[in-house]
PDB file of N, CA and C in Angstrom:
ATOM      1  N   MET A   1      75.961  55.403 202.335  1.00  0.00           N
ATOM      2  CA  MET A   1      75.506  56.681 201.861  1.00  0.00           C
ATOM      3  C   MET A   1      74.104  56.922 202.391  1.00  0.00           C
ATOM      4  N   THR A   2      73.757  58.181 202.536  1.00  0.00           N
ATOM      5  CA  THR A   2      72.395  58.551 202.966  1.00  0.00           C
ATOM      6  C   THR A   2      71.804  59.531 201.987  1.00  0.00           C
ATOM      7  N   HIS A   3      70.469  59.583 202.025  1.00  0.00           N
ATOM      8  CA  HIS A   3      69.716  60.527 201.229  1.00  0.00           C
ATOM      9  C   HIS A   3      68.323  60.624 201.797  1.00  0.00           C
ATOM     10  N   PRO A   4      67.497  61.596 201.337  1.00  0.00           N
ATOM     11  CA  PRO A   4      66.158  61.698 201.875  1.00  0.00           C
ATOM     12  C   PRO A   4      65.334  60.435 201.704  1.00  0.00           C
ATOM     13  N   THR A   5      64.689  59.987 202.712  1.00  0.00           N
ATOM     14  CA  THR A   5      63.882  58.776 202.663  1.00  0.00           C
ATOM     15  C   THR A   5      62.515  59.059 202.025  1.00  0.00           C
ATOM     16  N   PRO A   6      62.104  58.235 201.027  1.00  0.00           N
ATOM     17  CA  PRO A   6      60.794  58.473 200.456  1.00  0.00           C
ATOM     18  C   PRO A   6      59.705  58.149 201.497  1.00  0.00           C
ATOM     19  N   LEU A   7      58.661  58.942 201.457  1.00  0.00           N
ATOM     20  CA  LEU A   7      57.524  58.722 202.361  1.00  0.00           C
ATOM     21  C   LEU A   7      56.373  58.006 201.667  1.00  0.00           C
ATOM     22  N   GLU A   8      56.253  58.194 200.359  1.00  0.00           N
ATOM     23  CA  GLU A   8      55.194  57.540 199.621  1.00  0.00           C
ATOM     24  C   GLU A   8      55.515  57.637 198.132  1.00  0.00           C
ATOM     25  N   PHE A   9      54.844  56.787 197.357  1.00  0.00           N
ATOM     26  CA  PHE A   9      54.953  56.818 195.897  1.00  0.00           C
ATOM     27  C   PHE A   9      53.544  57.037 195.331  1.00  0.00           C
ATOM     28  N   ALA A  10      53.394  58.040 194.488  1.00  0.00           N
ATOM     29  CA  ALA A  10      52.087  58.363 193.898  1.00  0.00           C
ATOM     30  C   ALA A  10      51.929  57.644 192.557  1.00  0.00           C
ATOM     31  N   ALA A  11      50.683  57.428 192.174  1.00  0.00           N
ATOM     32  CA  ALA A  11      50.308  56.906 190.868  1.00  0.00           C
ATOM     33  C   ALA A  11      51.077  55.591 190.504  1.00  0.00           C
ATOM     34  N   VAL A  12      50.951  54.601 191.366  1.00  0.00           N
ATOM     35  CA  VAL A  12      51.601  53.324 191.114  1.00  0.00           C
ATOM     36  C   VAL A  12      50.545  52.203 191.097  1.00  0.00           C
ATOM     37  N   THR A  13      50.927  51.074 190.578  1.00  0.00           N
ATOM     38  CA  THR A  13      50.124  49.872 190.646  1.00  0.00           C
ATOM     39  C   THR A  13      50.765  48.985 191.674  1.00  0.00           C
ATOM     40  N   ALA A  14      50.018  48.576 192.655  1.00  0.00           N
ATOM     41  CA  ALA A  14      50.533  47.671 193.709  1.00  0.00           C
ATOM     42  C   ALA A  14      50.108  46.244 193.386  1.00  0.00           C
ATOM     43  N   VAL A  15      51.065  45.344 193.465  1.00  0.00           N
ATOM     44  CA  VAL A  15      50.802  43.904 193.262  1.00  0.00           C
ATOM     45  C   VAL A  15      50.413  43.319 194.615  1.00  0.00           C
ATOM     46  N   CYS A  16      49.235  42.755 194.699  1.00  0.00           N
ATOM     47  CA  CYS A  16      48.683  42.243 195.962  1.00  0.00           C
ATOM     48  C   CYS A  16      49.444  41.042 196.501  1.00  0.00           C
ATOM     49  N   LYS A  17      49.898  40.133 195.634  1.00  0.00           N
ATOM     50  CA  LYS A  17      50.604  38.922 196.089  1.00  0.00           C
ATOM     51  C   LYS A  17      51.950  39.305 196.635  1.00  0.00           C
ATOM     52  N   ALA A  18      52.248  38.869 197.832  1.00  0.00           N
ATOM     53  CA  ALA A  18      53.499  39.184 198.493  1.00  0.00           C
ATOM     54  C   ALA A  18      54.633  38.296 197.975  1.00  0.00           C
ATOM     55  N   ASN A  19      55.830  38.783 198.043  1.00  0.00           N
ATOM     56  CA  ASN A  19      57.060  38.026 197.821  1.00  0.00           C
ATOM     57  C   ASN A  19      57.520  37.577 199.213  1.00  0.00           C
ATOM     58  N   ILE A  20      57.512  36.304 199.470  1.00  0.00           N
ATOM     59  CA  ILE A  20      57.820  35.784 200.826  1.00  0.00           C
ATOM     60  C   ILE A  20      59.068  34.918 200.730  1.00  0.00           C
ATOM     61  N   TYR A  21      60.078  35.271 201.565  1.00  0.00           N
ATOM     62  CA  TYR A  21      61.343  34.579 201.605  1.00  0.00           C
ATOM     63  C   TYR A  21      61.671  34.135 202.989  1.00  0.00           C
ATOM     64  N   PHE A  22      62.494  33.112 203.091  1.00  0.00           N
ATOM     65  CA  PHE A  22      63.043  32.673 204.379  1.00  0.00           C
ATOM     66  C   PHE A  22      61.971  32.441 205.437  1.00  0.00           C
ATOM     67  N   ASP A  23      60.982  31.601 205.072  1.00  0.00           N
ATOM     68  CA  ASP A  23      59.887  31.241 205.986  1.00  0.00           C
ATOM     69  C   ASP A  23      59.144  32.466 206.553  1.00  0.00           C
ATOM     70  N   GLY A  24      59.028  33.528 205.761  1.00  0.00           N
ATOM     71  CA  GLY A  24      58.271  34.713 206.166  1.00  0.00           C
ATOM     72  C   GLY A  24      59.114  35.752 206.908  1.00  0.00           C
ATOM     73  N   ASN A  25      60.408  35.535 206.988  1.00  0.00           N
ATOM     74  CA  ASN A  25      61.265  36.508 207.690  1.00  0.00           C
ATOM     75  C   ASN A  25      61.620  37.706 206.848  1.00  0.00           C
ATOM     76  N   VAL A  26      61.422  37.593 205.524  1.00  0.00           N
ATOM     77  CA  VAL A  26      61.588  38.726 204.595  1.00  0.00           C
ATOM     78  C   VAL A  26      60.335  38.689 203.720  1.00  0.00           C
ATOM     79  N   VAL A  27      59.588  39.794 203.710  1.00  0.00           N
ATOM     80  CA  VAL A  27      58.345  39.888 202.958  1.00  0.00           C
ATOM     81  C   VAL A  27      58.326  41.242 202.234  1.00  0.00           C
ATOM     82  N   SER A  28      57.971  41.237 200.956  1.00  0.00           N
ATOM     83  CA  SER A  28      57.883  42.482 200.199  1.00  0.00           C
ATOM     84  C   SER A  28      56.670  42.443 199.278  1.00  0.00           C
ATOM     85  N   HIS A  29      56.293  43.618 198.794  1.00  0.00           N
ATOM     86  CA  HIS A  29      55.281  43.804 197.772  1.00  0.00           C
ATOM     87  C   HIS A  29      55.876  44.638 196.660  1.00  0.00           C
ATOM     88  N   THR A  30      55.504  44.313 195.436  1.00  0.00           N
ATOM     89  CA  THR A  30      56.003  45.031 194.266  1.00  0.00           C
ATOM     90  C   THR A  30      55.061  46.187 193.932  1.00  0.00           C
ATOM     91  N   VAL A  31      55.670  47.317 193.574  1.00  0.00           N
ATOM     92  CA  VAL A  31      54.901  48.447 193.028  1.00  0.00           C
ATOM     93  C   VAL A  31      55.476  48.762 191.657  1.00  0.00           C
ATOM     94  N   LYS A  32      54.576  49.010 190.721  1.00  0.00           N
ATOM     95  CA  LYS A  32      54.961  49.292 189.336  1.00  0.00           C
ATOM     96  C   LYS A  32      54.619  50.758 189.004  1.00  0.00           C
ATOM     97  N   PHE A  33      55.522  51.400 188.318  1.00  0.00           N
ATOM     98  CA  PHE A  33      55.355  52.814 187.941  1.00  0.00           C
ATOM     99  C   PHE A  33      54.974  52.927 186.475  1.00  0.00           C
ATOM    100  N   ALA A  34      54.413  54.071 186.124  1.00  0.00           N
ATOM    101  CA  ALA A  34      53.914  54.310 184.754  1.00  0.00           C
ATOM    102  C   ALA A  34      55.062  54.203 183.723  1.00  0.00           C
ATOM    103  N   ASP A  35      56.288  54.525 184.113  1.00  0.00           N
ATOM    104  CA  ASP A  35      57.404  54.452 183.179  1.00  0.00           C
ATOM    105  C   ASP A  35      57.960  53.036 182.984  1.00  0.00           C
ATOM    106  N   GLY A  36      57.326  52.052 183.631  1.00  0.00           N
ATOM    107  CA  GLY A  36      57.737  50.667 183.487  1.00  0.00           C
ATOM    108  C   GLY A  36      58.713  50.190 184.571  1.00  0.00           C
ATOM    109  N   SER A  37      59.192  51.127 185.384  1.00  0.00           N
ATOM    110  CA  SER A  37      60.109  50.682 186.466  1.00  0.00           C
ATOM    111  C   SER A  37      59.306  50.044 187.595  1.00  0.00           C
ATOM    112  N   LYS A  38      60.041  49.367 188.478  1.00  0.00           N
ATOM    113  CA  LYS A  38      59.371  48.746 189.603  1.00  0.00           C
ATOM    114  C   LYS A  38      60.278  48.811 190.828  1.00  0.00           C
ATOM    115  N   LYS A  39      59.651  48.741 191.974  1.00  0.00           N
ATOM    116  CA  LYS A  39      60.329  48.696 193.248  1.00  0.00           C
ATOM    117  C   LYS A  39      59.646  47.652 194.111  1.00  0.00           C
ATOM    118  N   THR A  40      60.315  47.213 195.150  1.00  0.00           N
ATOM    119  CA  THR A  40      59.659  46.387 196.142  1.00  0.00           C
ATOM    120  C   THR A  40      59.754  47.134 197.482  1.00  0.00           C
ATOM    121  N   LEU A  41      58.707  47.037 198.288  1.00  0.00           N
ATOM    122  CA  LEU A  41      58.652  47.596 199.632  1.00  0.00           C
ATOM    123  C   LEU A  41      58.537  46.425 200.586  1.00  0.00           C
ATOM    124  N   GLY A  42      59.433  46.377 201.549  1.00  0.00           N
ATOM    125  CA  GLY A  42      59.404  45.180 202.406  1.00  0.00           C
ATOM    126  C   GLY A  42      59.860  45.360 203.797  1.00  0.00           C
ATOM    127  N   LEU A  43      59.768  44.221 204.524  1.00  0.00           N
ATOM    128  CA  LEU A  43      60.171  44.088 205.921  1.00  0.00           C
ATOM    129  C   LEU A  43      61.186  42.968 206.047  1.00  0.00           C
ATOM    130  N   ILE A  44      62.201  43.148 206.889  1.00  0.00           N
ATOM    131  CA  ILE A  44      63.141  42.081 207.187  1.00  0.00           C
ATOM    132  C   ILE A  44      63.176  41.932 208.712  1.00  0.00           C
ATOM    133  N   TYR A  45      62.879  40.722 209.138  1.00  0.00           N
ATOM    134  CA  TYR A  45      62.891  40.382 210.565  1.00  0.00           C
ATOM    135  C   TYR A  45      64.285  39.916 210.969  1.00  0.00           C
ATOM    136  N   PRO A  46      64.592  39.872 212.275  1.00  0.00           N
ATOM    137  CA  PRO A  46      65.955  39.488 212.696  1.00  0.00           C
ATOM    138  C   PRO A  46      66.413  38.152 212.102  1.00  0.00           C
ATOM    139  N   GLY A  47      67.696  38.176 211.675  1.00  0.00           N
ATOM    140  CA  GLY A  47      68.319  37.009 211.074  1.00  0.00           C
ATOM    141  C   GLY A  47      69.306  37.482 210.038  1.00  0.00           C
ATOM    142  N   SER A  48      69.926  36.525 209.352  1.00  0.00           N
ATOM    143  CA  SER A  48      70.879  36.797 208.310  1.00  0.00           C
ATOM    144  C   SER A  48      70.405  36.075 207.048  1.00  0.00           C
ATOM    145  N   TYR A  49      70.424  36.779 205.909  1.00  0.00           N
ATOM    146  CA  TYR A  49      69.849  36.261 204.687  1.00  0.00           C
ATOM    147  C   TYR A  49      70.747  36.572 203.489  1.00  0.00           C
ATOM    148  N   GLU A  50      70.765  35.698 202.502  1.00  0.00           N
ATOM    149  CA  GLU A  50      71.545  35.960 201.286  1.00  0.00           C
ATOM    150  C   GLU A  50      70.620  35.991 200.105  1.00  0.00           C
ATOM    151  N   PHE A  51      70.815  37.027 199.244  1.00  0.00           N
ATOM    152  CA  PHE A  51      70.010  37.209 198.037  1.00  0.00           C
ATOM    153  C   PHE A  51      70.920  37.286 196.826  1.00  0.00           C
ATOM    154  N   ARG A  52      70.439  36.706 195.733  1.00  0.00           N
ATOM    155  CA  ARG A  52      71.117  36.861 194.434  1.00  0.00           C
ATOM    156  C   ARG A  52      70.386  37.892 193.632  1.00  0.00           C
ATOM    157  N   THR A  53      71.123  38.599 192.788  1.00  0.00           N
ATOM    158  CA  THR A  53      70.497  39.662 191.977  1.00  0.00           C
ATOM    159  C   THR A  53      70.621  39.305 190.484  1.00  0.00           C
ATOM    160  N   GLY A  54      69.630  39.699 189.722  1.00  0.00           N
ATOM    161  CA  GLY A  54      69.716  39.584 188.281  1.00  0.00           C
ATOM    162  C   GLY A  54      70.142  40.983 187.781  1.00  0.00           C
ATOM    163  N   ALA A  55      69.281  41.970 188.001  1.00  0.00           N
ATOM    164  CA  ALA A  55      69.570  43.344 187.601  1.00  0.00           C
ATOM    165  C   ALA A  55      70.199  44.081 188.768  1.00  0.00           C
ATOM    166  N   PRO A  56      70.888  45.189 188.512  1.00  0.00           N
ATOM    167  CA  PRO A  56      71.403  46.010 189.617  1.00  0.00           C
ATOM    168  C   PRO A  56      70.241  46.508 190.494  1.00  0.00           C
ATOM    169  N   GLU A  57      70.498  46.614 191.817  1.00  0.00           N
ATOM    170  CA  GLU A  57      69.485  47.023 192.772  1.00  0.00           C
ATOM    171  C   GLU A  57      70.051  48.112 193.683  1.00  0.00           C
ATOM    172  N   ARG A  58      69.167  48.946 194.152  1.00  0.00           N
ATOM    173  CA  ARG A  58      69.482  49.882 195.241  1.00  0.00           C
ATOM    174  C   ARG A  58      68.574  49.549 196.425  1.00  0.00           C
ATOM    175  N   MET A  59      69.185  49.266 197.537  1.00  0.00           N
ATOM    176  CA  MET A  59      68.434  48.987 198.809  1.00  0.00           C
ATOM    177  C   MET A  59      68.430  50.231 199.661  1.00  0.00           C
ATOM    178  N   GLU A  60      67.294  50.830 199.891  1.00  0.00           N
ATOM    179  CA  GLU A  60      67.142  51.986 200.736  1.00  0.00           C
ATOM    180  C   GLU A  60      66.533  51.543 202.069  1.00  0.00           C
ATOM    181  N   ILE A  61      67.173  51.906 203.143  1.00  0.00           N
ATOM    182  CA  ILE A  61      66.670  51.524 204.456  1.00  0.00           C
ATOM    183  C   ILE A  61      65.756  52.608 204.950  1.00  0.00           C
ATOM    184  N   ILE A  62      64.497  52.288 205.151  1.00  0.00           N
ATOM    185  CA  ILE A  62      63.483  53.261 205.535  1.00  0.00           C
ATOM    186  C   ILE A  62      63.389  53.364 207.060  1.00  0.00           C
ATOM    187  N   ALA A  63      63.452  52.256 207.759  1.00  0.00           N
ATOM    188  CA  ALA A  63      63.395  52.229 209.222  1.00  0.00           C
ATOM    189  C   ALA A  63      64.220  51.065 209.704  1.00  0.00           C
ATOM    190  N   GLY A  64      64.742  51.212 210.923  1.00  0.00           N
ATOM    191  CA  GLY A  64      65.573  50.152 211.510  1.00  0.00           C
ATOM    192  C   GLY A  64      67.012  50.254 211.069  1.00  0.00           C
ATOM    193  N   THR A  65      67.808  49.272 211.454  1.00  0.00           N
ATOM    194  CA  THR A  65      69.225  49.233 211.109  1.00  0.00           C
ATOM    195  C   THR A  65      69.573  47.790 210.677  1.00  0.00           C
ATOM    196  N   CYS A  66      70.397  47.682 209.640  1.00  0.00           N
ATOM    197  CA  CYS A  66      70.858  46.383 209.199  1.00  0.00           C
ATOM    198  C   CYS A  66      72.346  46.451 208.911  1.00  0.00           C
ATOM    199  N   ARG A  67      72.895  45.281 208.671  1.00  0.00           N
ATOM    200  CA  ARG A  67      74.282  45.147 208.178  1.00  0.00           C
ATOM    201  C   ARG A  67      74.175  44.458 206.853  1.00  0.00           C
ATOM    202  N   ALA A  68      75.080  44.826 205.924  1.00  0.00           N
ATOM    203  CA  ALA A  68      75.095  44.173 204.600  1.00  0.00           C
ATOM    204  C   ALA A  68      76.530  43.935 204.171  1.00  0.00           C
ATOM    205  N   LYS A  69      76.695  42.897 203.375  1.00  0.00           N
ATOM    206  CA  LYS A  69      77.984  42.548 202.806  1.00  0.00           C
ATOM    207  C   LYS A  69      77.775  42.157 201.362  1.00  0.00           C
ATOM    208  N   LEU A  70      78.366  42.881 200.425  1.00  0.00           N
ATOM    209  CA  LEU A  70      78.240  42.580 199.010  1.00  0.00           C
ATOM    210  C   LEU A  70      79.173  41.375 198.684  1.00  0.00           C
ATOM    211  N   SER A  71      78.854  40.719 197.593  1.00  0.00           N
ATOM    212  CA  SER A  71      79.574  39.476 197.259  1.00  0.00           C
ATOM    213  C   SER A  71      81.049  39.712 197.027  1.00  0.00           C
ATOM    214  N   ASP A  72      81.438  40.937 196.617  1.00  0.00           N
ATOM    215  CA  ASP A  72      82.858  41.182 196.319  1.00  0.00           C
ATOM    216  C   ASP A  72      83.584  41.797 197.493  1.00  0.00           C
ATOM    217  N   THR A  73      82.990  41.804 198.675  1.00  0.00           N
ATOM    218  CA  THR A  73      83.630  42.355 199.854  1.00  0.00           C
ATOM    219  C   THR A  73      83.709  41.323 200.972  1.00  0.00           C
ATOM    220  N   THR A  74      84.551  41.608 201.958  1.00  0.00           N
ATOM    221  CA  THR A  74      84.670  40.704 203.098  1.00  0.00           C
ATOM    222  C   THR A  74      84.143  41.335 204.371  1.00  0.00           C
ATOM    223  N   ASP A  75      83.915  42.662 204.348  1.00  0.00           N
ATOM    224  CA  ASP A  75      83.465  43.344 205.553  1.00  0.00           C
ATOM    225  C   ASP A  75      81.986  43.704 205.502  1.00  0.00           C
ATOM    226  N   TRP A  76      81.364  43.625 206.649  1.00  0.00           N
ATOM    227  CA  TRP A  76      79.986  44.028 206.826  1.00  0.00           C
ATOM    228  C   TRP A  76      79.956  45.552 207.041  1.00  0.00           C
ATOM    229  N   THR A  77      78.945  46.250 206.495  1.00  0.00           N
ATOM    230  CA  THR A  77      78.733  47.656 206.682  1.00  0.00           C
ATOM    231  C   THR A  77      77.366  47.858 207.326  1.00  0.00           C
ATOM    232  N   VAL A  78      77.279  48.764 208.298  1.00  0.00           N
ATOM    233  CA  VAL A  78      76.019  49.069 208.999  1.00  0.00           C
ATOM    234  C   VAL A  78      75.293  50.139 208.185  1.00  0.00           C
ATOM    235  N   TYR A  79      73.981  49.913 207.984  1.00  0.00           N
ATOM    236  CA  TYR A  79      73.087  50.846 207.287  1.00  0.00           C
ATOM    237  C   TYR A  79      71.914  51.203 208.162  1.00  0.00           C
ATOM    238  N   PRO A  80      71.860  52.424 208.708  1.00  0.00           N
ATOM    239  CA  PRO A  80      70.752  52.859 209.489  1.00  0.00           C
ATOM    240  C   PRO A  80      69.629  53.422 208.579  1.00  0.00           C
ATOM    241  N   ALA A  81      68.526  53.782 209.132  1.00  0.00           N
ATOM    242  CA  ALA A  81      67.418  54.397 208.358  1.00  0.00           C
ATOM    243  C   ALA A  81      67.987  55.627 207.647  1.00  0.00           C
ATOM    244  N   GLY A  82      67.597  55.795 206.414  1.00  0.00           N
ATOM    245  CA  GLY A  82      68.061  56.896 205.600  1.00  0.00           C
ATOM    246  C   GLY A  82      69.263  56.582 204.735  1.00  0.00           C
ATOM    247  N   ALA A  83      69.879  55.409 204.959  1.00  0.00           N
ATOM    248  CA  ALA A  83      71.038  55.014 204.185  1.00  0.00           C
ATOM    249  C   ALA A  83      70.636  54.077 203.052  1.00  0.00           C
ATOM    250  N   PHE A  84      71.538  53.884 202.103  1.00  0.00           N
ATOM    251  CA  PHE A  84      71.277  52.947 201.018  1.00  0.00           C
ATOM    252  C   PHE A  84      72.575  52.282 200.589  1.00  0.00           C
ATOM    253  N   PHE A  85      72.444  51.175 199.869  1.00  0.00           N
ATOM    254  CA  PHE A  85      73.601  50.553 199.234  1.00  0.00           C
ATOM    255  C   PHE A  85      73.160  50.008 197.884  1.00  0.00           C
ATOM    256  N   ASP A  86      74.104  49.986 196.957  1.00  0.00           N
ATOM    257  CA  ASP A  86      73.859  49.516 195.584  1.00  0.00           C
ATOM    258  C   ASP A  86      74.468  48.123 195.430  1.00  0.00           C
ATOM    259  N   VAL A  87      73.710  47.259 194.737  1.00  0.00           N
ATOM    260  CA  VAL A  87      74.195  45.883 194.506  1.00  0.00           C
ATOM    261  C   VAL A  87      74.268  45.682 192.973  1.00  0.00           C
ATOM    262  N   PRO A  88      75.431  45.266 192.501  1.00  0.00           N
ATOM    263  CA  PRO A  88      75.581  45.025 191.050  1.00  0.00           C
ATOM    264  C   PRO A  88      74.633  43.914 190.575  1.00  0.00           C
ATOM    265  N   GLY A  89      74.345  43.919 189.294  1.00  0.00           N
ATOM    266  CA  GLY A  89      73.580  42.837 188.694  1.00  0.00           C
ATOM    267  C   GLY A  89      74.388  41.566 188.662  1.00  0.00           C
ATOM    268  N   ASP A  90      73.701  40.441 188.585  1.00  0.00           N
ATOM    269  CA  ASP A  90      74.345  39.129 188.519  1.00  0.00           C
ATOM    270  C   ASP A  90      75.367  38.926 189.628  1.00  0.00           C
ATOM    271  N   SER A  91      74.971  39.270 190.846  1.00  0.00           N
ATOM    272  CA  SER A  91      75.851  39.074 192.028  1.00  0.00           C
ATOM    273  C   SER A  91      75.003  38.656 193.191  1.00  0.00           C
ATOM    274  N   SER A  92      75.465  38.926 194.389  1.00  0.00           N
ATOM    275  CA  SER A  92      74.687  38.587 195.575  1.00  0.00           C
ATOM    276  C   SER A  92      75.081  39.524 196.693  1.00  0.00           C
ATOM    277  N   PHE A  93      74.258  39.472 197.726  1.00  0.00           N
ATOM    278  CA  PHE A  93      74.583  40.215 198.963  1.00  0.00           C
ATOM    279  C   PHE A  93      73.964  39.489 200.157  1.00  0.00           C
ATOM    280  N   GLU A  94      74.608  39.682 201.297  1.00  0.00           N
ATOM    281  CA  GLU A  94      74.054  39.202 202.550  1.00  0.00           C
ATOM    282  C   GLU A  94      73.536  40.399 203.334  1.00  0.00           C
ATOM    283  N   ILE A  95      72.427  40.189 203.987  1.00  0.00           N
ATOM    284  CA  ILE A  95      71.847  41.276 204.842  1.00  0.00           C
ATOM    285  C   ILE A  95      71.465  40.644 206.172  1.00  0.00           C
ATOM    286  N   ALA A  96      71.759  41.360 207.255  1.00  0.00           N
ATOM    287  CA  ALA A  96      71.504  40.869 208.582  1.00  0.00           C
ATOM    288  C   ALA A  96      70.819  41.934 209.408  1.00  0.00           C
ATOM    289  N   VAL A  97      69.835  41.505 210.172  1.00  0.00           N
ATOM    290  CA  VAL A  97      69.137  42.346 211.126  1.00  0.00           C
ATOM    291  C   VAL A  97      69.346  41.722 212.496  1.00  0.00           C
ATOM    292  N   ASP A  98      69.946  42.501 213.388  1.00  0.00           N
ATOM    293  CA  ASP A  98      70.276  41.968 214.715  1.00  0.00           C
ATOM    294  C   ASP A  98      69.108  42.063 215.673  1.00  0.00           C
ATOM    295  N   ASP A  99      68.341  43.136 215.579  1.00  0.00           N
ATOM    296  CA  ASP A  99      67.123  43.255 216.419  1.00  0.00           C
ATOM    297  C   ASP A  99      66.164  44.235 215.740  1.00  0.00           C
ATOM    298  N   GLY A 100      64.915  44.133 216.120  1.00  0.00           N
ATOM    299  CA  GLY A 100      63.859  44.984 215.526  1.00  0.00           C
ATOM    300  C   GLY A 100      63.534  44.482 214.127  1.00  0.00           C
ATOM    301  N   ILE A 101      62.898  45.351 213.370  1.00  0.00           N
ATOM    302  CA  ILE A 101      62.475  45.088 212.011  1.00  0.00           C
ATOM    303  C   ILE A 101      63.031  46.156 211.133  1.00  0.00           C
ATOM    304  N   VAL A 102      63.569  45.792 209.984  1.00  0.00           N
ATOM    305  CA  VAL A 102      64.029  46.751 208.985  1.00  0.00           C
ATOM    306  C   VAL A 102      62.972  46.888 207.911  1.00  0.00           C
ATOM    307  N   GLU A 103      62.637  48.126 207.559  1.00  0.00           N
ATOM    308  CA  GLU A 103      61.749  48.421 206.449  1.00  0.00           C
ATOM    309  C   GLU A 103      62.629  48.944 205.326  1.00  0.00           C
ATOM    310  N   TYR A 104      62.375  48.478 204.102  1.00  0.00           N
ATOM    311  CA  TYR A 104      63.217  48.883 202.985  1.00  0.00           C
ATOM    312  C   TYR A 104      62.418  49.100 201.731  1.00  0.00           C
ATOM    313  N   VAL A 105      63.092  49.811 200.783  1.00  0.00           N
ATOM    314  CA  VAL A 105      62.613  49.964 199.416  1.00  0.00           C
ATOM    315  C   VAL A 105      63.744  49.492 198.525  1.00  0.00           C
ATOM    316  N   CYS A 106      63.440  48.555 197.654  1.00  0.00           N
ATOM    317  CA  CYS A 106      64.447  48.042 196.706  1.00  0.00           C
ATOM    318  C   CYS A 106      64.072  48.560 195.321  1.00  0.00           C
ATOM    319  N   SER A 107      64.973  49.291 194.706  1.00  0.00           N
ATOM    320  CA  SER A 107      64.772  49.789 193.331  1.00  0.00           C
ATOM    321  C   SER A 107      65.593  48.972 192.356  1.00  0.00           C
ATOM    322  N   PHE A 108      64.942  48.522 191.309  1.00  0.00           N
ATOM    323  CA  PHE A 108      65.649  47.756 190.255  1.00  0.00           C
ATOM    324  C   PHE A 108      66.084  48.743 189.203  1.00  0.00           C
ATOM    325  N   GLN A 109      67.376  48.807 188.968  1.00  0.00           N
ATOM    326  CA  GLN A 109      67.963  49.855 188.117  1.00  0.00           C
ATOM    327  C   GLN A 109      68.242  49.347 186.719  1.00  0.00           C
TER     328      GLN A 109
END
């Protein structure tokens, strides 16, 4: 699915300490909103990575192209900039970047 890509978030608190995964190949920063919600803004470098989820998440692709496979599927789906995919809570997903860098926003729902 696609939708308008956010360009910025106003009136947020940014957490300075980065979330670093897979030897620095996936890096994000958390932003907190006044309503108590949070998102992470990050970069994914080439490679294939698996993540587990606690709460449901929405992954919005801001720049670049990736492939993703949810835990309950067998097929990979391509997500270009402007696309998103939803991940159920208490599950997992694989994400792969073949070349370049993917920029993303992850919303915890």
